PDB file of N, CA and C in Angstrom:
ATOM      1  N   MET A   1     -60.156 -17.584  -1.426  1.00  0.00           N
ATOM      2  CA  MET A   1     -58.862 -17.981  -1.914  1.00  0.00           C
ATOM      3  C   MET A   1     -57.833 -16.930  -1.516  1.00  0.00           C
ATOM      4  N   SER A   2     -56.642 -17.356  -1.115  1.00  0.00           N
ATOM      5  CA  SER A   2     -55.607 -16.405  -0.730  1.00  0.00           C
ATOM      6  C   SER A   2     -54.881 -15.887  -1.966  1.00  0.00           C
ATOM      7  N   THR A   3     -54.302 -14.683  -1.836  1.00  0.00           N
ATOM      8  CA  THR A   3     -53.578 -14.108  -2.977  1.00  0.00           C
ATOM      9  C   THR A   3     -52.236 -14.800  -3.117  1.00  0.00           C
ATOM     10  N   PRO A   4     -51.792 -15.006  -4.336  1.00  0.00           N
ATOM     11  CA  PRO A   4     -50.492 -15.673  -4.542  1.00  0.00           C
ATOM     12  C   PRO A   4     -49.351 -14.769  -4.072  1.00  0.00           C
ATOM     13  N   PRO A   5     -48.253 -15.361  -3.636  1.00  0.00           N
ATOM     14  CA  PRO A   5     -47.129 -14.535  -3.167  1.00  0.00           C
ATOM     15  C   PRO A   5     -46.525 -13.725  -4.312  1.00  0.00           C
ATOM     16  N   ASP A   6     -46.029 -12.584  -3.960  1.00  0.00           N
ATOM     17  CA  ASP A   6     -45.398 -11.699  -4.952  1.00  0.00           C
ATOM     18  C   ASP A   6     -44.057 -12.307  -5.363  1.00  0.00           C
ATOM     19  N   PRO A   7     -43.839 -12.581  -6.658  1.00  0.00           N
ATOM     20  CA  PRO A   7     -42.569 -13.196  -7.070  1.00  0.00           C
ATOM     21  C   PRO A   7     -41.374 -12.270  -6.852  1.00  0.00           C
ATOM     22  N   PHE A   8     -41.604 -10.966  -6.773  1.00  0.00           N
ATOM     23  CA  PHE A   8     -40.500 -10.034  -6.566  1.00  0.00           C
ATOM     24  C   PHE A   8     -40.286  -9.702  -5.087  1.00  0.00           C
ATOM     25  N   ASP A   9     -41.058 -10.316  -4.225  1.00  0.00           N
ATOM     26  CA  ASP A   9     -40.934 -10.055  -2.789  1.00  0.00           C
ATOM     27  C   ASP A   9     -39.538 -10.440  -2.293  1.00  0.00           C
ATOM     28  N   PHE A  10     -39.029 -11.559  -2.784  1.00  0.00           N
ATOM     29  CA  PHE A  10     -37.682 -11.992  -2.394  1.00  0.00           C
ATOM     30  C   PHE A  10     -36.634 -10.957  -2.794  1.00  0.00           C
ATOM     31  N   LEU A  11     -36.723 -10.441  -4.034  1.00  0.00           N
ATOM     32  CA  LEU A  11     -35.767  -9.442  -4.496  1.00  0.00           C
ATOM     33  C   LEU A  11     -35.892  -8.138  -3.725  1.00  0.00           C
ATOM     34  N   LYS A  12     -37.117  -7.757  -3.410  1.00  0.00           N
ATOM     35  CA  LYS A  12     -37.318  -6.539  -2.636  1.00  0.00           C
ATOM     36  C   LYS A  12     -36.675  -6.666  -1.266  1.00  0.00           C
ATOM     37  N   ASN A  13     -36.836  -7.829  -0.641  1.00  0.00           N
ATOM     38  CA  ASN A  13     -36.220  -8.050   0.668  1.00  0.00           C
ATOM     39  C   ASN A  13     -34.703  -8.152   0.572  1.00  0.00           C
ATOM     40  N   LEU A  14     -34.211  -8.704  -0.532  1.00  0.00           N
ATOM     41  CA  LEU A  14     -32.774  -8.856  -0.711  1.00  0.00           C
ATOM     42  C   LEU A  14     -32.095  -7.516  -0.939  1.00  0.00           C
ATOM     43  N   TRP A  15     -32.656  -6.685  -1.807  1.00  0.00           N
ATOM     44  CA  TRP A  15     -32.041  -5.406  -2.145  1.00  0.00           C
ATOM     45  C   TRP A  15     -32.431  -4.293  -1.188  1.00  0.00           C
ATOM     46  N   GLY A  16     -33.523  -4.453  -0.469  1.00  0.00           N
ATOM     47  CA  GLY A  16     -34.021  -3.422   0.424  1.00  0.00           C
ATOM     48  C   GLY A  16     -32.999  -2.957   1.464  1.00  0.00           C
ATOM     49  N   PRO A  17     -32.297  -3.857   2.172  1.00  0.00           N
ATOM     50  CA  PRO A  17     -31.343  -3.403   3.196  1.00  0.00           C
ATOM     51  C   PRO A  17     -30.193  -2.570   2.644  1.00  0.00           C
ATOM     52  N   MET A  18     -29.899  -2.704   1.377  1.00  0.00           N
ATOM     53  CA  MET A  18     -28.785  -1.946   0.799  1.00  0.00           C
ATOM     54  C   MET A  18     -29.213  -0.543   0.392  1.00  0.00           C
ATOM     55  N   GLY A  19     -30.480  -0.235   0.544  1.00  0.00           N
ATOM     56  CA  GLY A  19     -30.934   1.112   0.230  1.00  0.00           C
ATOM     57  C   GLY A  19     -31.215   1.349  -1.235  1.00  0.00           C
ATOM     58  N   LEU A  20     -31.281   0.305  -2.016  1.00  0.00           N
ATOM     59  CA  LEU A  20     -31.551   0.475  -3.444  1.00  0.00           C
ATOM     60  C   LEU A  20     -33.062   0.504  -3.674  1.00  0.00           C
ATOM     61  N   PRO A  21     -33.527   1.403  -4.478  1.00  0.00           N
ATOM     62  CA  PRO A  21     -34.970   1.479  -4.715  1.00  0.00           C
ATOM     63  C   PRO A  21     -35.435   0.343  -5.616  1.00  0.00           C
ATOM     64  N   MET A  22     -36.222  -0.557  -5.073  1.00  0.00           N
ATOM     65  CA  MET A  22     -36.771  -1.671  -5.851  1.00  0.00           C
ATOM     66  C   MET A  22     -38.292  -1.657  -5.689  1.00  0.00           C
ATOM     67  N   ALA A  23     -38.936  -0.663  -6.187  1.00  0.00           N
ATOM     68  CA  ALA A  23     -40.378  -0.504  -6.026  1.00  0.00           C
ATOM     69  C   ALA A  23     -41.156  -1.214  -7.115  1.00  0.00           C
ATOM     70  N   GLY A  24     -40.603  -2.188  -7.745  1.00  0.00           N
ATOM     71  CA  GLY A  24     -41.278  -2.901  -8.814  1.00  0.00           C
ATOM     72  C   GLY A  24     -40.557  -2.664 -10.131  1.00  0.00           C
ATOM     73  N   LEU A  25     -41.179  -3.083 -11.173  1.00  0.00           N
ATOM     74  CA  LEU A  25     -40.542  -2.960 -12.483  1.00  0.00           C
ATOM     75  C   LEU A  25     -40.724  -1.577 -13.093  1.00  0.00           C
ATOM     76  N   THR A  26     -41.575  -0.753 -12.556  1.00  0.00           N
ATOM     77  CA  THR A  26     -41.821   0.558 -13.157  1.00  0.00           C
ATOM     78  C   THR A  26     -40.652   1.511 -12.932  1.00  0.00           C
ATOM     79  N   GLY A  27     -39.879   1.312 -11.887  1.00  0.00           N
ATOM     80  CA  GLY A  27     -38.777   2.220 -11.590  1.00  0.00           C
ATOM     81  C   GLY A  27     -37.423   1.675 -11.991  1.00  0.00           C
ATOM     82  N   THR A  28     -37.380   0.826 -13.005  1.00  0.00           N
ATOM     83  CA  THR A  28     -36.103   0.226 -13.386  1.00  0.00           C
ATOM     84  C   THR A  28     -35.119   1.253 -13.925  1.00  0.00           C
ATOM     85  N   THR A  29     -35.597   2.271 -14.630  1.00  0.00           N
ATOM     86  CA  THR A  29     -34.671   3.284 -15.152  1.00  0.00           C
ATOM     87  C   THR A  29     -34.061   4.078 -14.015  1.00  0.00           C
ATOM     88  N   ALA A  30     -34.872   4.404 -13.038  1.00  0.00           N
ATOM     89  CA  ALA A  30     -34.345   5.129 -11.879  1.00  0.00           C
ATOM     90  C   ALA A  30     -33.380   4.247 -11.096  1.00  0.00           C
ATOM     91  N   ALA A  31     -33.716   2.967 -10.974  1.00  0.00           N
ATOM     92  CA  ALA A  31     -32.838   2.040 -10.255  1.00  0.00           C
ATOM     93  C   ALA A  31     -31.512   1.881 -11.000  1.00  0.00           C
ATOM     94  N   MET A  32     -31.579   1.805 -12.316  1.00  0.00           N
ATOM     95  CA  MET A  32     -30.352   1.672 -13.110  1.00  0.00           C
ATOM     96  C   MET A  32     -29.493   2.923 -12.981  1.00  0.00           C
ATOM     97  N   THR A  33     -30.127   4.086 -12.980  1.00  0.00           N
ATOM     98  CA  THR A  33     -29.387   5.342 -12.820  1.00  0.00           C
ATOM     99  C   THR A  33     -28.731   5.395 -11.451  1.00  0.00           C
ATOM    100  N   GLU A  34     -29.471   4.970 -10.429  1.00  0.00           N
ATOM    101  CA  GLU A  34     -28.923   4.950  -9.068  1.00  0.00           C
ATOM    102  C   GLU A  34     -27.758   3.970  -8.967  1.00  0.00           C
ATOM    103  N   LEU A  35     -27.892   2.807  -9.584  1.00  0.00           N
ATOM    104  CA  LEU A  35     -26.808   1.824  -9.576  1.00  0.00           C
ATOM    105  C   LEU A  35     -25.577   2.351 -10.303  1.00  0.00           C
ATOM    106  N   ASP A  36     -25.786   2.982 -11.454  1.00  0.00           N
ATOM    107  CA  ASP A  36     -24.657   3.554 -12.197  1.00  0.00           C
ATOM    108  C   ASP A  36     -23.952   4.624 -11.376  1.00  0.00           C
ATOM    109  N   LYS A  37     -24.738   5.435 -10.672  1.00  0.00           N
ATOM    110  CA  LYS A  37     -24.158   6.477  -9.825  1.00  0.00           C
ATOM    111  C   LYS A  37     -23.322   5.867  -8.704  1.00  0.00           C
ATOM    112  N   ARG A  38     -23.857   4.841  -8.065  1.00  0.00           N
ATOM    113  CA  ARG A  38     -23.110   4.191  -6.971  1.00  0.00           C
ATOM    114  C   ARG A  38     -21.864   3.478  -7.470  1.00  0.00           C
ATOM    115  N   ILE A  39     -21.960   2.864  -8.623  1.00  0.00           N
ATOM    116  CA  ILE A  39     -20.788   2.199  -9.206  1.00  0.00           C
ATOM    117  C   ILE A  39     -19.692   3.223  -9.487  1.00  0.00           C
ATOM    118  N   ALA A  40     -20.071   4.362 -10.049  1.00  0.00           N
ATOM    119  CA  ALA A  40     -19.091   5.415 -10.347  1.00  0.00           C
ATOM    120  C   ALA A  40     -18.456   5.946  -9.066  1.00  0.00           C
ATOM    121  N   GLU A  41     -19.266   6.129  -8.017  1.00  0.00           N
ATOM    122  CA  GLU A  41     -18.722   6.598  -6.740  1.00  0.00           C
ATOM    123  C   GLU A  41     -17.739   5.591  -6.160  1.00  0.00           C
ATOM    124  N   LEU A  42     -18.111   4.315  -6.184  1.00  0.00           N
ATOM    125  CA  LEU A  42     -17.229   3.284  -5.629  1.00  0.00           C
ATOM    126  C   LEU A  42     -15.948   3.137  -6.440  1.00  0.00           C
ATOM    127  N   LYS A  43     -16.030   3.328  -7.743  1.00  0.00           N
ATOM    128  CA  LYS A  43     -14.818   3.269  -8.565  1.00  0.00           C
ATOM    129  C   LYS A  43     -13.887   4.432  -8.250  1.00  0.00           C
ATOM    130  N   SER A  44     -14.449   5.598  -7.980  1.00  0.00           N
ATOM    131  CA  SER A  44     -13.586   6.733  -7.620  1.00  0.00           C
ATOM    132  C   SER A  44     -12.947   6.506  -6.250  1.00  0.00           C
ATOM    133  N   VAL A  45     -13.686   5.902  -5.320  1.00  0.00           N
ATOM    134  CA  VAL A  45     -13.111   5.566  -4.012  1.00  0.00           C
ATOM    135  C   VAL A  45     -12.008   4.526  -4.184  1.00  0.00           C
ATOM    136  N   GLU A  46     -12.233   3.543  -5.047  1.00  0.00           N
ATOM    137  CA  GLU A  46     -11.225   2.517  -5.310  1.00  0.00           C
ATOM    138  C   GLU A  46      -9.951   3.133  -5.883  1.00  0.00           C
ATOM    139  N   ALA A  47     -10.106   4.067  -6.820  1.00  0.00           N
ATOM    140  CA  ALA A  47      -8.936   4.724  -7.414  1.00  0.00           C
ATOM    141  C   ALA A  47      -8.175   5.519  -6.351  1.00  0.00           C
ATOM    142  N   TRP A  48      -8.895   6.209  -5.471  1.00  0.00           N
ATOM    143  CA  TRP A  48      -8.262   6.976  -4.398  1.00  0.00           C
ATOM    144  C   TRP A  48      -7.508   6.055  -3.438  1.00  0.00           C
ATOM    145  N   LEU A  49      -8.126   4.928  -3.093  1.00  0.00           N
ATOM    146  CA  LEU A  49      -7.465   3.974  -2.194  1.00  0.00           C
ATOM    147  C   LEU A  49      -6.224   3.361  -2.851  1.00  0.00           C
ATOM    148  N   ASN A  50      -6.314   3.051  -4.140  1.00  0.00           N
ATOM    149  CA  ASN A  50      -5.150   2.513  -4.844  1.00  0.00           C
ATOM    150  C   ASN A  50      -4.010   3.523  -4.887  1.00  0.00           C
ATOM    151  N   MET A  51      -4.346   4.799  -5.096  1.00  0.00           N
ATOM    152  CA  MET A  51      -3.313   5.835  -5.113  1.00  0.00           C
ATOM    153  C   MET A  51      -2.641   5.916  -3.741  1.00  0.00           C
ATOM    154  N   ASN A  52      -3.442   5.907  -2.674  1.00  0.00           N
ATOM    155  CA  ASN A  52      -2.869   5.962  -1.328  1.00  0.00           C
ATOM    156  C   ASN A  52      -2.046   4.726  -1.021  1.00  0.00           C
ATOM    157  N   LEU A  53      -2.469   3.566  -1.516  1.00  0.00           N
ATOM    158  CA  LEU A  53      -1.714   2.335  -1.317  1.00  0.00           C
ATOM    159  C   LEU A  53      -0.361   2.428  -2.012  1.00  0.00           C
ATOM    160  N   ASN A  54      -0.337   2.982  -3.220  1.00  0.00           N
ATOM    161  CA  ASN A  54       0.930   3.134  -3.939  1.00  0.00           C
ATOM    162  C   ASN A  54       1.860   4.114  -3.234  1.00  0.00           C
ATOM    163  N   VAL A  55       1.303   5.201  -2.696  1.00  0.00           N
ATOM    164  CA  VAL A  55       2.126   6.156  -1.948  1.00  0.00           C
ATOM    165  C   VAL A  55       2.687   5.491  -0.701  1.00  0.00           C
ATOM    166  N   LEU A  56       1.872   4.694  -0.019  1.00  0.00           N
ATOM    167  CA  LEU A  56       2.333   3.983   1.175  1.00  0.00           C
ATOM    168  C   LEU A  56       3.448   3.004   0.830  1.00  0.00           C
ATOM    169  N   ARG A  57       3.288   2.270  -0.261  1.00  0.00           N
ATOM    170  CA  ARG A  57       4.329   1.318  -0.685  1.00  0.00           C
ATOM    171  C   ARG A  57       5.640   2.040  -1.016  1.00  0.00           C
ATOM    172  N   MET A  58       5.544   3.179  -1.699  1.00  0.00           N
ATOM    173  CA  MET A  58       6.751   3.935  -2.041  1.00  0.00           C
ATOM    174  C   MET A  58       7.420   4.485  -0.786  1.00  0.00           C
ATOM    175  N   THR A  59       6.636   4.906   0.196  1.00  0.00           N
ATOM    176  CA  THR A  59       7.195   5.410   1.444  1.00  0.00           C
ATOM    177  C   THR A  59       7.920   4.307   2.187  1.00  0.00           C
ATOM    178  N   ILE A  60       7.305   3.138   2.262  1.00  0.00           N
ATOM    179  CA  ILE A  60       7.947   1.998   2.922  1.00  0.00           C
ATOM    180  C   ILE A  60       9.227   1.621   2.200  1.00  0.00           C
ATOM    181  N   GLN A  61       9.193   1.593   0.893  1.00  0.00           N
ATOM    182  CA  GLN A  61      10.380   1.242   0.111  1.00  0.00           C
ATOM    183  C   GLN A  61      11.494   2.268   0.323  1.00  0.00           C
ATOM    184  N   GLY A  62      11.156   3.541   0.372  1.00  0.00           N
ATOM    185  CA  GLY A  62      12.156   4.581   0.623  1.00  0.00           C
ATOM    186  C   GLY A  62      12.782   4.440   1.998  1.00  0.00           C
ATOM    187  N   LEU A  63      11.962   4.151   3.007  1.00  0.00           N
ATOM    188  CA  LEU A  63      12.490   3.964   4.360  1.00  0.00           C
ATOM    189  C   LEU A  63      13.374   2.723   4.445  1.00  0.00           C
ATOM    190  N   GLU A  64      13.007   1.665   3.738  1.00  0.00           N
ATOM    191  CA  GLU A  64      13.845   0.469   3.724  1.00  0.00           C
ATOM    192  C   GLU A  64      15.188   0.753   3.060  1.00  0.00           C
ATOM    193  N   MET A  65      15.182   1.583   2.004  1.00  0.00           N
ATOM    194  CA  MET A  65      16.437   1.940   1.344  1.00  0.00           C
ATOM    195  C   MET A  65      17.304   2.789   2.269  1.00  0.00           C
ATOM    196  N   GLN A  66      16.684   3.720   3.011  1.00  0.00           N
ATOM    197  CA  GLN A  66      17.446   4.522   3.971  1.00  0.00           C
ATOM    198  C   GLN A  66      18.038   3.641   5.047  1.00  0.00           C
ATOM    199  N   ARG A  67      17.270   2.674   5.514  1.00  0.00           N
ATOM    200  CA  ARG A  67      17.768   1.761   6.547  1.00  0.00           C
ATOM    201  C   ARG A  67      18.939   0.935   6.030  1.00  0.00           C
ATOM    202  N   ALA A  68      18.830   0.446   4.814  1.00  0.00           N
ATOM    203  CA  ALA A  68      19.913  -0.341   4.228  1.00  0.00           C
ATOM    204  C   ALA A  68      21.163   0.523   4.044  1.00  0.00           C
ATOM    205  N   GLY A  69      20.980   1.764   3.635  1.00  0.00           N
ATOM    206  CA  GLY A  69      22.122   2.675   3.478  1.00  0.00           C
ATOM    207  C   GLY A  69      22.789   2.969   4.804  1.00  0.00           C
ATOM    208  N   LEU A  70      22.001   3.210   5.842  1.00  0.00           N
ATOM    209  CA  LEU A  70      22.581   3.452   7.170  1.00  0.00           C
ATOM    210  C   LEU A  70      23.295   2.223   7.700  1.00  0.00           C
ATOM    211  N   ALA A  71      22.720   1.050   7.479  1.00  0.00           N
ATOM    212  CA  ALA A  71      23.357  -0.184   7.927  1.00  0.00           C
ATOM    213  C   ALA A  71      24.679  -0.392   7.197  1.00  0.00           C
ATOM    214  N   ALA A  72      24.704  -0.069   5.916  1.00  0.00           N
ATOM    215  CA  ALA A  72      25.943  -0.221   5.151  1.00  0.00           C
ATOM    216  C   ALA A  72      27.000   0.767   5.632  1.00  0.00           C
ATOM    217  N   MET A  73      26.584   1.986   5.953  1.00  0.00           N
ATOM    218  CA  MET A  73      27.537   2.986   6.438  1.00  0.00           C
ATOM    219  C   MET A  73      28.069   2.608   7.817  1.00  0.00           C
ATOM    220  N   GLN A  74      27.209   2.070   8.680  1.00  0.00           N
ATOM    221  CA  GLN A  74      27.663   1.648  10.005  1.00  0.00           C
ATOM    222  C   GLN A  74      28.595   0.457   9.909  1.00  0.00           C
ATOM    223  N   GLY A  75      28.343  -0.423   8.974  1.00  0.00           N
ATOM    224  CA  GLY A  75      29.193  -1.599   8.796  1.00  0.00           C
ATOM    225  C   GLY A  75      30.573  -1.243   8.292  1.00  0.00           C
ATOM    226  N   THR A  76      30.694  -0.187   7.517  1.00  0.00           N
ATOM    227  CA  THR A  76      31.996   0.191   6.969  1.00  0.00           C
ATOM    228  C   THR A  76      32.649   1.296   7.779  1.00  0.00           C
ATOM    229  N   GLY A  77      31.992   1.768   8.828  1.00  0.00           N
ATOM    230  CA  GLY A  77      32.514   2.895   9.606  1.00  0.00           C
ATOM    231  C   GLY A  77      33.872   2.643  10.220  1.00  0.00           C
ATOM    232  N   ALA A  78      34.090   1.540  10.931  1.00  0.00           N
ATOM    233  CA  ALA A  78      35.340   1.312  11.652  1.00  0.00           C
ATOM    234  C   ALA A  78      36.239   0.307  10.960  1.00  0.00           C
ATOM    235  N   SER A  79      35.653  -0.635  10.257  1.00  0.00           N
ATOM    236  CA  SER A  79      36.499  -1.687   9.691  1.00  0.00           C
ATOM    237  C   SER A  79      36.405  -1.759   8.181  1.00  0.00           C
ATOM    238  N   GLY A  80      35.901  -0.745   7.572  1.00  0.00           N
ATOM    239  CA  GLY A  80      35.726  -0.756   6.124  1.00  0.00           C
ATOM    240  C   GLY A  80      36.989  -0.368   5.398  1.00  0.00           C
ATOM    241  N   PRO A  81      36.945  -0.347   4.093  1.00  0.00           N
ATOM    242  CA  PRO A  81      38.112  -0.018   3.268  1.00  0.00           C
ATOM    243  C   PRO A  81      38.606   1.402   3.497  1.00  0.00           C
ATOM    244  N   ALA A  82      37.734   2.330   3.820  1.00  0.00           N
ATOM    245  CA  ALA A  82      38.177   3.705   4.031  1.00  0.00           C
ATOM    246  C   ALA A  82      39.030   3.810   5.287  1.00  0.00           C
ATOM    247  N   ALA A  83      38.726   3.036   6.313  1.00  0.00           N
ATOM    248  CA  ALA A  83      39.498   3.075   7.555  1.00  0.00           C
ATOM    249  C   ALA A  83      40.835   2.346   7.398  1.00  0.00           C
ATOM    250  N   ASP A  84      40.869   1.312   6.550  1.00  0.00           N
ATOM    251  CA  ASP A  84      42.085   0.524   6.372  1.00  0.00           C
ATOM    252  C   ASP A  84      43.024   1.119   5.330  1.00  0.00           C
ATOM    253  N   ALA A  85      42.559   2.054   4.552  1.00  0.00           N
ATOM    254  CA  ALA A  85      43.389   2.602   3.479  1.00  0.00           C
ATOM    255  C   ALA A  85      44.506   3.461   4.060  1.00  0.00           C
ATOM    256  N   ALA A  86      45.688   3.234   3.580  1.00  0.00           N
ATOM    257  CA  ALA A  86      46.842   4.019   4.022  1.00  0.00           C
ATOM    258  C   ALA A  86      46.999   5.209   3.101  1.00  0.00           C
ATOM    259  N   PRO A  87      47.521   6.317   3.594  1.00  0.00           N
ATOM    260  CA  PRO A  87      47.777   7.451   2.717  1.00  0.00           C
ATOM    261  C   PRO A  87      48.753   7.055   1.609  1.00  0.00           C
ATOM    262  N   ALA A  88      48.729   7.787   0.521  1.00  0.00           N
ATOM    263  CA  ALA A  88      49.581   7.476  -0.622  1.00  0.00           C
ATOM    264  C   ALA A  88      51.045   7.519  -0.222  1.00  0.00           C
ATOM    265  N   GLY A  89      51.795   6.507  -0.619  1.00  0.00           N
ATOM    266  CA  GLY A  89      53.227   6.465  -0.353  1.00  0.00           C
ATOM    267  C   GLY A  89      53.588   5.713   0.914  1.00  0.00           C
ATOM    268  N   GLU A  90      52.659   5.423   1.800  1.00  0.00           N
ATOM    269  CA  GLU A  90      52.947   4.670   3.019  1.00  0.00           C
ATOM    270  C   GLU A  90      52.457   3.240   2.858  1.00  0.00           C
ATOM    271  N   PRO A  91      53.213   2.283   3.358  1.00  0.00           N
ATOM    272  CA  PRO A  91      52.737   0.902   3.295  1.00  0.00           C
ATOM    273  C   PRO A  91      51.603   0.691   4.299  1.00  0.00           C
ATOM    274  N   LYS A  92      50.731  -0.214   3.985  1.00  0.00           N
ATOM    275  CA  LYS A  92      49.599  -0.507   4.856  1.00  0.00           C
ATOM    276  C   LYS A  92      50.075  -1.335   6.038  1.00  0.00           C
ATOM    277  N   LYS A  93      49.656  -0.944   7.265  1.00  0.00           N
ATOM    278  CA  LYS A  93      50.027  -1.674   8.465  1.00  0.00           C
ATOM    279  C   LYS A  93      49.004  -2.777   8.715  1.00  0.00           C
ATOM    280  N   PRO A  94      49.452  -3.916   9.197  1.00  0.00           N
ATOM    281  CA  PRO A  94      48.492  -4.957   9.554  1.00  0.00           C
ATOM    282  C   PRO A  94      47.621  -4.480  10.712  1.00  0.00           C
ATOM    283  N   ALA A  95      46.382  -4.931  10.764  1.00  0.00           N
ATOM    284  CA  ALA A  95      45.437  -4.483  11.761  1.00  0.00           C
ATOM    285  C   ALA A  95      45.808  -4.996  13.156  1.00  0.00           C
ATOM    286  N   ASP A  96      46.452  -6.167  13.230  1.00  0.00           N
ATOM    287  CA  ASP A  96      46.768  -6.730  14.547  1.00  0.00           C
ATOM    288  C   ASP A  96      48.120  -6.240  15.088  1.00  0.00           C
ATOM    289  N   GLU A  97      48.867  -5.489  14.326  1.00  0.00           N
ATOM    290  CA  GLU A  97      50.170  -4.979  14.778  1.00  0.00           C
ATOM    291  C   GLU A  97      49.957  -3.771  15.681  1.00  0.00           C
ATOM    292  N   VAL A  98      50.550  -3.809  16.859  1.00  0.00           N
ATOM    293  CA  VAL A  98      50.442  -2.719  17.805  1.00  0.00           C
ATOM    294  C   VAL A  98      51.676  -1.844  17.629  1.00  0.00           C
ATOM    295  N   PRO A  99      51.497  -0.524  17.514  1.00  0.00           N
ATOM    296  CA  PRO A  99      52.657   0.336  17.340  1.00  0.00           C
ATOM    297  C   PRO A  99      53.500   0.330  18.629  1.00  0.00           C
ATOM    298  N   PRO A 100      54.834   0.403  18.486  1.00  0.00           N
ATOM    299  CA  PRO A 100      55.698   0.368  19.683  1.00  0.00           C
ATOM    300  C   PRO A 100      55.528   1.628  20.515  1.00  0.00           C
ATOM    301  N   LYS A 101      55.639   1.455  21.841  1.00  0.00           N
ATOM    302  CA  LYS A 101      55.513   2.585  22.756  1.00  0.00           C
ATOM    303  C   LYS A 101      56.823   3.331  22.787  1.00  0.00           C
ATOM    304  N   LYS A 102      56.773   4.630  22.934  1.00  0.00           N
ATOM    305  CA  LYS A 102      57.978   5.452  22.962  1.00  0.00           C
ATOM    306  C   LYS A 102      58.246   5.930  24.326  1.00  0.00           C
TER     307      LYS A 102
END
């Protein structure tokens, strides 16, 4: 008579490639400790990646604000209110009026 298949053979093959120790039910405490250790490591990596993602988002947002500020300054450079403002006491000249030649 042939020996019956090992019911845990499927689990051993499933978990084996991931490097987790699945040597049967006798090492469950060691396996649980190893799993807890890996979970803690992956959570710390996740926290580090989230921190870097937040720094990246803040950097992008800061650069977008600088770009918007520069665009606003360029837009008001020649035709903005500061260029059209007349000194105190002088009337404002129309923009299309050409001063007479002397």
